[in-house]
C-alpha atoms as a PDB file:
ATOM      1  CA  MET A   1     104.882 104.790  87.998  1.00  0.00           C
ATOM      2  CA  THR A   2     107.143 107.622  87.488  1.00  0.00           C
ATOM      3  CA  SER A   3     111.035 106.863  87.366  1.00  0.00           C
ATOM      4  CA  VAL A   4     113.798 109.473  88.267  1.00  0.00           C
ATOM      5  CA  THR A   5     117.281 108.489  87.375  1.00  0.00           C
ATOM      6  CA  THR A   6     119.893 110.390  89.971  1.00  0.00           C
ATOM      7  CA  PRO A   7     123.748 109.457  90.027  1.00  0.00           C
ATOM      8  CA  ASP A   8     123.040 107.242  93.399  1.00  0.00           C
ATOM      9  CA  ARG A   9     119.726 105.925  92.658  1.00  0.00           C
ATOM     10  CA  ILE A  10     116.616 105.266  90.692  1.00  0.00           C
ATOM     11  CA  TRP A  11     113.544 106.827  92.120  1.00  0.00           C
ATOM     12  CA  GLN A  12     110.408 105.495  91.204  1.00  0.00           C
ATOM     13  CA  SER A  13     106.719 107.323  92.202  1.00  0.00           C
ATOM     14  CA  ASP A  14     103.287 106.094  92.259  1.00  0.00           C
ATOM     15  CA  GLY A  15     102.450 109.453  90.775  1.00  0.00           C
ATOM     16  CA  HIS A  16     101.025 110.851  93.828  1.00  0.00           C
ATOM     17  CA  PHE A  17     104.371 112.383  95.058  1.00  0.00           C
ATOM     18  CA  GLY A  18     102.868 116.090  94.713  1.00  0.00           C
ATOM     19  CA  GLU A  19      99.627 115.617  96.046  1.00  0.00           C
ATOM     20  CA  ARG A  20     101.198 114.186  99.222  1.00  0.00           C
ATOM     21  CA  VAL A  21     103.601 117.063  99.593  1.00  0.00           C
ATOM     22  CA  ARG A  22     100.925 119.715  99.085  1.00  0.00           C
ATOM     23  CA  ALA A  23      98.551 118.036 101.658  1.00  0.00           C
ATOM     24  CA  LEU A  24     101.363 117.671 104.270  1.00  0.00           C
ATOM     25  CA  ARG A  25     102.540 121.117 103.681  1.00  0.00           C
ATOM     26  CA  ALA A  26      99.469 122.498 104.354  1.00  0.00           C
ATOM     27  CA  ARG A  27      99.074 120.793 107.832  1.00  0.00           C
ATOM     28  CA  ILE A  28     102.657 122.436 108.849  1.00  0.00           C
ATOM     29  CA  PRO A  29     101.136 125.245 107.714  1.00  0.00           C
ATOM     30  CA  MET A  30     103.737 126.632 105.328  1.00  0.00           C
ATOM     31  CA  ASN A  31     103.384 128.499 102.227  1.00  0.00           C
ATOM     32  CA  ARG A  32     105.018 127.211  98.985  1.00  0.00           C
ATOM     33  CA  GLU A  33     107.691 129.964  99.081  1.00  0.00           C
ATOM     34  CA  GLN A  34     108.550 129.225 102.593  1.00  0.00           C
ATOM     35  CA  PHE A  35     108.808 125.358 101.976  1.00  0.00           C
ATOM     36  CA  ALA A  36     110.581 125.998  99.019  1.00  0.00           C
ATOM     37  CA  GLU A  37     113.311 127.810 101.242  1.00  0.00           C
ATOM     38  CA  ALA A  38     113.214 125.299 103.749  1.00  0.00           C
ATOM     39  CA  ILE A  39     114.244 122.435 101.404  1.00  0.00           C
ATOM     40  CA  GLU A  40     116.581 124.709  99.126  1.00  0.00           C
ATOM     41  CA  ALA A  41     114.434 124.470  96.198  1.00  0.00           C
ATOM     42  CA  SER A  42     112.761 127.065  93.857  1.00  0.00           C
ATOM     43  CA  THR A  43     109.002 127.918  94.260  1.00  0.00           C
ATOM     44  CA  GLU A  44     108.809 127.093  90.801  1.00  0.00           C
ATOM     45  CA  SER A  45     109.942 123.191  91.315  1.00  0.00           C
ATOM     46  CA  VAL A  46     107.422 122.851  94.223  1.00  0.00           C
ATOM     47  CA  TYR A  47     104.669 124.151  91.804  1.00  0.00           C
ATOM     48  CA  ARG A  48     105.788 121.409  89.199  1.00  0.00           C
ATOM     49  CA  TRP A  49     105.573 118.709  91.735  1.00  0.00           C
ATOM     50  CA  GLU A  50     102.282 119.839  93.481  1.00  0.00           C
ATOM     51  CA  VAL A  51     100.565 120.629  90.294  1.00  0.00           C
ATOM     52  CA  GLN A  52     102.329 119.310  87.443  1.00  0.00           C
ATOM     53  CA  GLY A  53     102.897 115.711  88.749  1.00  0.00           C
ATOM     54  CA  ALA A  54     106.921 116.137  88.667  1.00  0.00           C
ATOM     55  CA  VAL A  55     109.216 114.532  90.928  1.00  0.00           C
ATOM     56  CA  PRO A  56     112.731 116.017  92.083  1.00  0.00           C
ATOM     57  CA  ARG A  57     115.236 114.706  90.150  1.00  0.00           C
ATOM     58  CA  SER A  58     117.770 114.737  93.107  1.00  0.00           C
ATOM     59  CA  ALA A  59     117.848 112.375  95.783  1.00  0.00           C
ATOM     60  CA  ALA A  60     119.120 115.013  98.147  1.00  0.00           C
ATOM     61  CA  THR A  61     116.141 117.147  97.314  1.00  0.00           C
ATOM     62  CA  ILE A  62     113.774 114.287  98.117  1.00  0.00           C
ATOM     63  CA  GLU A  63     115.246 113.544 101.356  1.00  0.00           C
ATOM     64  CA  ARG A  64     115.117 117.185 102.364  1.00  0.00           C
ATOM     65  CA  VAL A  65     111.576 117.124 101.413  1.00  0.00           C
ATOM     66  CA  ALA A  66     110.829 114.217 103.469  1.00  0.00           C
ATOM     67  CA  LYS A  67     112.773 115.617 106.289  1.00  0.00           C
ATOM     68  CA  VAL A  68     110.952 119.371 106.662  1.00  0.00           C
ATOM     69  CA  LEU A  69     107.632 117.249 106.163  1.00  0.00           C
ATOM     70  CA  GLY A  70     108.620 114.550 108.953  1.00  0.00           C
ATOM     71  CA  ARG A  71     107.460 111.665 106.844  1.00  0.00           C
ATOM     72  CA  PRO A  72     109.764 108.756 105.098  1.00  0.00           C
ATOM     73  CA  VAL A  73     110.739 109.022 101.603  1.00  0.00           C
ATOM     74  CA  ALA A  74     108.620 106.000 100.933  1.00  0.00           C
ATOM     75  CA  TYR A  75     105.650 107.462 101.978  1.00  0.00           C
ATOM     76  CA  LEU A  76     106.039 110.470  99.816  1.00  0.00           C
ATOM     77  CA  LEU A  77     107.189 108.321  96.696  1.00  0.00           C
ATOM     78  CA  TYR A  78     104.727 105.497  97.244  1.00  0.00           C
ATOM     79  CA  GLY A  79     102.435 106.168  99.897  1.00  0.00           C
ATOM     80  CA  GLU A  80     104.035 103.661 102.347  1.00  0.00           C
ATOM     81  CA  ASP A  81     104.859 104.509 105.927  1.00  0.00           C
ATOM     82  CA  ASP A  82     107.980 102.735 107.586  1.00  0.00           C
ATOM     83  CA  ASP A  83     105.693 100.242 109.741  1.00  0.00           C
ATOM     84  CA  ALA A  84     103.419  99.358 106.733  1.00  0.00           C
END
């Protein structure tokens, strides 16, 4: 499990955050550059999440990713939906 510490929260991930982001982004469809612009992040950051297994450091970024992809934060971090 990957942990990310931010000033307001400690985020933990099951290690599949980037895989979920990539799969959901493809369904929209939105390329990496468009997605990065929509969530106010760099394309390099999105690449690190999707390819290298990194997790955003900022809670605000994770929340923007969830909003743009239309899924709850818990799904992105742990694979859990709200009704699970």
